[in-house]
């Protein structure tokens, strides 16, 4: 997987970008999108930058429309349930051979 950055604009200085997470691991990519959906007040403020292709994506649309993710219930969070297309994969499946 290519290197991805999760970013938002600084609320005080709109010319600044805040990088929340940088990853090239599928597990971290999935977990951070789920974290944002579960815990952040305005998940629509997040963007994903594909550093290889120099493209910017709307994280909320990627999570909800492409992967079918949603905010989890308290029980789902306690039980480690993932939403959308990720639900059928274990961490081992996404770890690409243990790398």
N, C-alpha and C. Protein backbone atom coordinates (compact mmCIF):
# COMPACT_ATOMS: atom_id res chain seq x y z
N UNK A 1 0.85 -1.18 0.00
CA UNK A 1 0.00 0.00 0.00
C UNK A 1 0.89 1.24 0.00
N UNK A 2 0.48 2.24 -0.74
CA UNK A 2 1.24 3.50 -0.79
C UNK A 2 1.05 4.30 0.49
N UNK A 3 1.87 5.30 0.68
CA UNK A 3 1.83 6.14 1.87
C UNK A 3 0.63 7.09 1.81
N UNK A 4 -0.18 7.06 2.87
CA UNK A 4 -1.36 7.92 2.96
C UNK A 4 -1.25 8.80 4.20
N UNK A 5 -1.78 10.03 4.09
CA UNK A 5 -1.83 10.96 5.22
C UNK A 5 -3.28 11.35 5.46
N UNK A 6 -3.68 11.34 6.73
CA UNK A 6 -4.99 11.83 7.13
C UNK A 6 -4.80 13.24 7.66
N UNK A 7 -5.51 14.20 7.08
CA UNK A 7 -5.30 15.61 7.44
C UNK A 7 -6.61 16.34 7.67
N UNK A 8 -6.52 17.47 8.38
CA UNK A 8 -7.61 18.44 8.49
C UNK A 8 -6.99 19.83 8.42
N UNK A 9 -7.81 20.82 8.19
CA UNK A 9 -7.34 22.21 8.26
C UNK A 9 -7.35 22.65 9.72
N UNK A 10 -6.38 23.47 10.07
CA UNK A 10 -6.34 24.05 11.41
C UNK A 10 -7.57 24.95 11.57
N UNK A 11 -8.27 24.83 12.69
CA UNK A 11 -9.49 25.62 12.89
C UNK A 11 -9.19 27.10 13.12
N UNK A 12 -8.01 27.42 13.62
CA UNK A 12 -7.66 28.82 13.89
C UNK A 12 -6.97 29.49 12.71
N UNK A 13 -6.13 28.74 12.01
CA UNK A 13 -5.40 29.28 10.87
C UNK A 13 -5.67 28.40 9.66
N UNK A 14 -6.59 28.82 8.80
CA UNK A 14 -7.03 28.02 7.65
C UNK A 14 -5.91 27.75 6.64
N UNK A 15 -4.78 28.43 6.77
CA UNK A 15 -3.65 28.18 5.88
C UNK A 15 -2.78 27.03 6.37
N UNK A 16 -3.05 26.53 7.56
CA UNK A 16 -2.28 25.42 8.12
C UNK A 16 -3.04 24.11 7.98
N UNK A 17 -2.28 23.05 7.76
CA UNK A 17 -2.83 21.71 7.67
C UNK A 17 -2.32 20.90 8.85
N UNK A 18 -3.19 20.15 9.50
CA UNK A 18 -2.79 19.27 10.60
C UNK A 18 -2.74 17.84 10.08
N UNK A 19 -1.60 17.20 10.22
CA UNK A 19 -1.46 15.79 9.83
C UNK A 19 -1.72 14.96 11.07
N UNK A 20 -2.75 14.14 11.03
CA UNK A 20 -3.15 13.32 12.17
C UNK A 20 -2.47 11.97 12.15
N UNK A 21 -2.28 11.41 10.96
CA UNK A 21 -1.77 10.05 10.85
C UNK A 21 -1.15 9.88 9.47
N UNK A 22 0.01 9.23 9.43
CA UNK A 22 0.65 8.88 8.16
C UNK A 22 0.91 7.39 8.21
N UNK A 23 0.48 6.67 7.19
CA UNK A 23 0.63 5.22 7.21
C UNK A 23 0.72 4.62 5.81
N UNK A 24 1.33 3.46 5.74
CA UNK A 24 1.28 2.65 4.53
C UNK A 24 0.81 1.23 4.90
N UNK A 25 0.21 1.10 6.11
CA UNK A 25 -0.32 -0.17 6.58
C UNK A 25 -1.84 -0.17 6.47
N UNK A 26 -2.38 -1.22 5.89
CA UNK A 26 -3.82 -1.34 5.69
C UNK A 26 -4.58 -1.35 7.03
N UNK A 27 -4.03 -2.01 8.04
CA UNK A 27 -4.68 -2.06 9.35
C UNK A 27 -4.81 -0.66 9.94
N UNK A 28 -3.76 0.13 9.87
CA UNK A 28 -3.80 1.49 10.41
C UNK A 28 -4.76 2.35 9.62
N UNK A 29 -4.79 2.17 8.29
CA UNK A 29 -5.71 2.90 7.41
C UNK A 29 -7.15 2.63 7.85
N UNK A 30 -7.50 1.36 8.03
CA UNK A 30 -8.85 0.98 8.46
C UNK A 30 -9.14 1.51 9.86
N UNK A 31 -8.21 1.29 10.81
CA UNK A 31 -8.43 1.67 12.19
C UNK A 31 -8.59 3.19 12.36
N UNK A 32 -7.81 3.95 11.61
CA UNK A 32 -7.92 5.40 11.77
C UNK A 32 -9.24 5.92 11.20
N UNK A 33 -9.68 5.38 10.07
CA UNK A 33 -10.99 5.81 9.55
C UNK A 33 -12.09 5.45 10.53
N UNK A 34 -12.01 4.25 11.14
CA UNK A 34 -13.02 3.85 12.11
C UNK A 34 -12.96 4.74 13.35
N UNK A 35 -11.76 5.08 13.80
CA UNK A 35 -11.59 5.99 14.95
C UNK A 35 -12.26 7.34 14.67
N UNK A 36 -12.03 7.89 13.50
CA UNK A 36 -12.60 9.19 13.14
C UNK A 36 -14.13 9.10 13.14
N UNK A 37 -14.68 8.07 12.52
CA UNK A 37 -16.14 7.92 12.49
C UNK A 37 -16.72 7.77 13.89
N UNK A 38 -16.04 7.04 14.77
CA UNK A 38 -16.54 6.77 16.11
C UNK A 38 -16.41 7.95 17.07
N UNK A 39 -15.34 8.74 16.93
CA UNK A 39 -14.98 9.66 18.01
C UNK A 39 -14.90 11.14 17.65
N UNK A 40 -14.84 11.48 16.41
CA UNK A 40 -14.61 12.87 16.03
C UNK A 40 -15.95 13.57 15.76
N UNK A 41 -16.06 14.80 16.23
CA UNK A 41 -17.29 15.58 16.09
C UNK A 41 -17.65 15.84 14.63
N UNK A 42 -16.66 16.18 13.80
CA UNK A 42 -16.90 16.49 12.39
C UNK A 42 -16.04 15.61 11.49
N UNK A 43 -16.41 14.34 11.29
CA UNK A 43 -15.59 13.46 10.46
C UNK A 43 -15.49 13.92 9.00
N UNK A 44 -16.42 14.77 8.58
CA UNK A 44 -16.39 15.26 7.19
C UNK A 44 -15.26 16.25 6.96
N UNK A 45 -14.59 16.70 8.03
CA UNK A 45 -13.47 17.63 7.89
C UNK A 45 -12.17 16.92 7.48
N UNK A 46 -12.13 15.61 7.56
CA UNK A 46 -10.89 14.87 7.28
C UNK A 46 -10.72 14.58 5.79
N UNK A 47 -9.47 14.64 5.37
CA UNK A 47 -9.09 14.31 3.99
C UNK A 47 -7.97 13.28 4.03
N UNK A 48 -7.83 12.54 2.96
CA UNK A 48 -6.74 11.59 2.81
C UNK A 48 -5.89 12.05 1.64
N UNK A 49 -4.57 12.11 1.85
CA UNK A 49 -3.65 12.45 0.76
C UNK A 49 -2.90 11.20 0.36
N UNK A 50 -2.98 10.85 -0.90
CA UNK A 50 -2.17 9.78 -1.47
C UNK A 50 -0.86 10.44 -1.89
N UNK A 51 0.21 10.21 -1.13
CA UNK A 51 1.47 10.92 -1.39
C UNK A 51 2.16 10.44 -2.65
N UNK A 52 1.87 9.23 -3.09
CA UNK A 52 2.48 8.69 -4.30
C UNK A 52 1.90 9.34 -5.56
N UNK A 53 0.57 9.46 -5.59
CA UNK A 53 -0.12 10.02 -6.76
C UNK A 53 -0.43 11.50 -6.59
N UNK A 54 -0.16 12.03 -5.39
CA UNK A 54 -0.41 13.44 -5.09
C UNK A 54 -1.89 13.81 -5.30
N UNK A 55 -2.77 12.95 -4.77
CA UNK A 55 -4.22 13.16 -4.86
C UNK A 55 -4.81 13.32 -3.47
N UNK A 56 -5.89 14.08 -3.39
CA UNK A 56 -6.58 14.29 -2.12
C UNK A 56 -7.99 13.72 -2.23
N UNK A 57 -8.39 12.96 -1.20
CA UNK A 57 -9.71 12.34 -1.17
C UNK A 57 -10.47 12.79 0.07
N UNK A 58 -11.77 12.82 -0.02
CA UNK A 58 -12.65 13.10 1.11
C UNK A 58 -12.72 11.82 1.94
N UNK A 59 -12.13 11.83 3.15
CA UNK A 59 -12.07 10.63 3.98
C UNK A 59 -13.45 10.10 4.33
N UNK A 60 -14.38 11.00 4.63
CA UNK A 60 -15.73 10.57 5.00
C UNK A 60 -16.40 9.79 3.86
N UNK A 61 -16.25 10.28 2.64
CA UNK A 61 -16.83 9.58 1.48
C UNK A 61 -16.14 8.24 1.23
N UNK A 62 -14.82 8.22 1.36
CA UNK A 62 -14.09 6.96 1.19
C UNK A 62 -14.59 5.93 2.21
N UNK A 63 -14.67 6.35 3.47
CA UNK A 63 -15.08 5.44 4.54
C UNK A 63 -16.52 4.98 4.37
N UNK A 64 -17.43 5.91 4.14
CA UNK A 64 -18.86 5.57 4.13
C UNK A 64 -19.36 5.02 2.79
N UNK A 65 -18.88 5.58 1.69
CA UNK A 65 -19.39 5.16 0.38
C UNK A 65 -18.57 4.01 -0.24
N UNK A 66 -17.26 4.11 -0.19
CA UNK A 66 -16.44 3.06 -0.80
C UNK A 66 -16.38 1.80 0.07
N UNK A 67 -16.22 2.00 1.39
CA UNK A 67 -16.05 0.87 2.30
C UNK A 67 -17.28 0.55 3.13
N UNK A 68 -18.33 1.37 3.06
CA UNK A 68 -19.57 1.10 3.77
C UNK A 68 -19.46 1.19 5.28
N UNK A 69 -18.50 1.96 5.78
CA UNK A 69 -18.29 2.09 7.22
C UNK A 69 -19.31 3.04 7.84
N UNK A 70 -19.48 2.92 9.15
CA UNK A 70 -20.39 3.79 9.89
C UNK A 70 -19.88 3.90 11.33
N UNK A 71 -20.47 4.83 12.07
CA UNK A 71 -20.14 4.96 13.49
C UNK A 71 -20.63 3.71 14.22
N UNK A 72 -19.77 3.14 15.06
CA UNK A 72 -20.14 1.92 15.78
C UNK A 72 -20.88 2.24 17.07
N UNK A 73 -21.69 1.28 17.50
CA UNK A 73 -22.35 1.39 18.81
C UNK A 73 -21.30 1.12 19.89
N UNK A 74 -21.64 1.44 21.13
CA UNK A 74 -20.74 1.18 22.24
C UNK A 74 -20.38 -0.30 22.31
N UNK A 75 -21.37 -1.17 22.18
CA UNK A 75 -21.14 -2.62 22.24
C UNK A 75 -20.20 -3.07 21.13
N UNK A 76 -20.39 -2.56 19.93
CA UNK A 76 -19.51 -2.93 18.81
C UNK A 76 -18.07 -2.52 19.09
N UNK A 77 -17.90 -1.33 19.65
CA UNK A 77 -16.54 -0.87 19.99
C UNK A 77 -15.92 -1.76 21.05
N UNK A 78 -16.68 -2.13 22.06
CA UNK A 78 -16.17 -2.99 23.14
C UNK A 78 -15.80 -4.37 22.62
N UNK A 79 -16.52 -4.85 21.61
CA UNK A 79 -16.28 -6.19 21.06
C UNK A 79 -15.31 -6.18 19.89
N UNK A 80 -14.77 -5.01 19.54
CA UNK A 80 -13.79 -4.94 18.45
C UNK A 80 -14.37 -5.20 17.07
N UNK A 81 -15.64 -4.88 16.89
CA UNK A 81 -16.32 -5.10 15.61
C UNK A 81 -15.95 -3.97 14.64
N UNK A 82 -15.64 -4.34 13.41
CA UNK A 82 -15.39 -3.35 12.36
C UNK A 82 -16.60 -3.29 11.46
N UNK A 83 -16.82 -2.13 10.84
CA UNK A 83 -18.02 -1.95 10.03
C UNK A 83 -17.69 -1.97 8.55
N UNK A 84 -18.71 -2.13 7.74
CA UNK A 84 -18.57 -2.09 6.29
C UNK A 84 -17.82 -3.30 5.75
N UNK A 85 -17.13 -3.10 4.66
CA UNK A 85 -16.41 -4.17 3.98
C UNK A 85 -15.28 -4.75 4.82
N UNK A 86 -14.84 -4.01 5.84
CA UNK A 86 -13.74 -4.49 6.70
C UNK A 86 -14.22 -5.60 7.64
N UNK A 87 -15.51 -5.73 7.86
CA UNK A 87 -16.04 -6.67 8.85
C UNK A 87 -15.62 -8.11 8.58
N UNK A 88 -15.41 -8.47 7.33
CA UNK A 88 -15.08 -9.86 7.00
C UNK A 88 -13.59 -10.17 7.08
N UNK A 89 -12.75 -9.17 7.37
CA UNK A 89 -11.30 -9.39 7.43
C UNK A 89 -10.77 -9.31 8.86
N UNK A 90 -9.87 -10.22 9.18
CA UNK A 90 -9.18 -10.16 10.47
C UNK A 90 -7.91 -9.34 10.29
N UNK A 91 -7.28 -8.98 11.40
CA UNK A 91 -6.00 -8.27 11.32
C UNK A 91 -4.97 -9.10 10.58
N UNK A 92 -5.00 -10.42 10.77
CA UNK A 92 -4.06 -11.31 10.06
C UNK A 92 -4.26 -11.24 8.56
N UNK A 93 -5.51 -11.16 8.12
CA UNK A 93 -5.81 -11.05 6.69
C UNK A 93 -5.21 -9.77 6.11
N UNK A 94 -5.25 -8.69 6.87
CA UNK A 94 -4.79 -7.40 6.39
C UNK A 94 -3.31 -7.16 6.60
N UNK A 95 -2.66 -8.02 7.35
CA UNK A 95 -1.26 -7.83 7.70
C UNK A 95 -0.31 -8.22 6.56
N UNK A 96 -0.82 -8.73 5.47
CA UNK A 96 -0.02 -9.08 4.28
C UNK A 96 1.15 -9.98 4.63
N UNK A 97 0.87 -11.10 5.25
CA UNK A 97 1.92 -12.08 5.52
C UNK A 97 2.79 -11.76 6.73
N UNK A 98 2.32 -10.93 7.62
CA UNK A 98 3.06 -10.66 8.85
C UNK A 98 4.13 -9.61 8.76
N UNK A 99 4.14 -8.83 7.69
CA UNK A 99 5.16 -7.80 7.54
C UNK A 99 4.88 -6.63 8.43
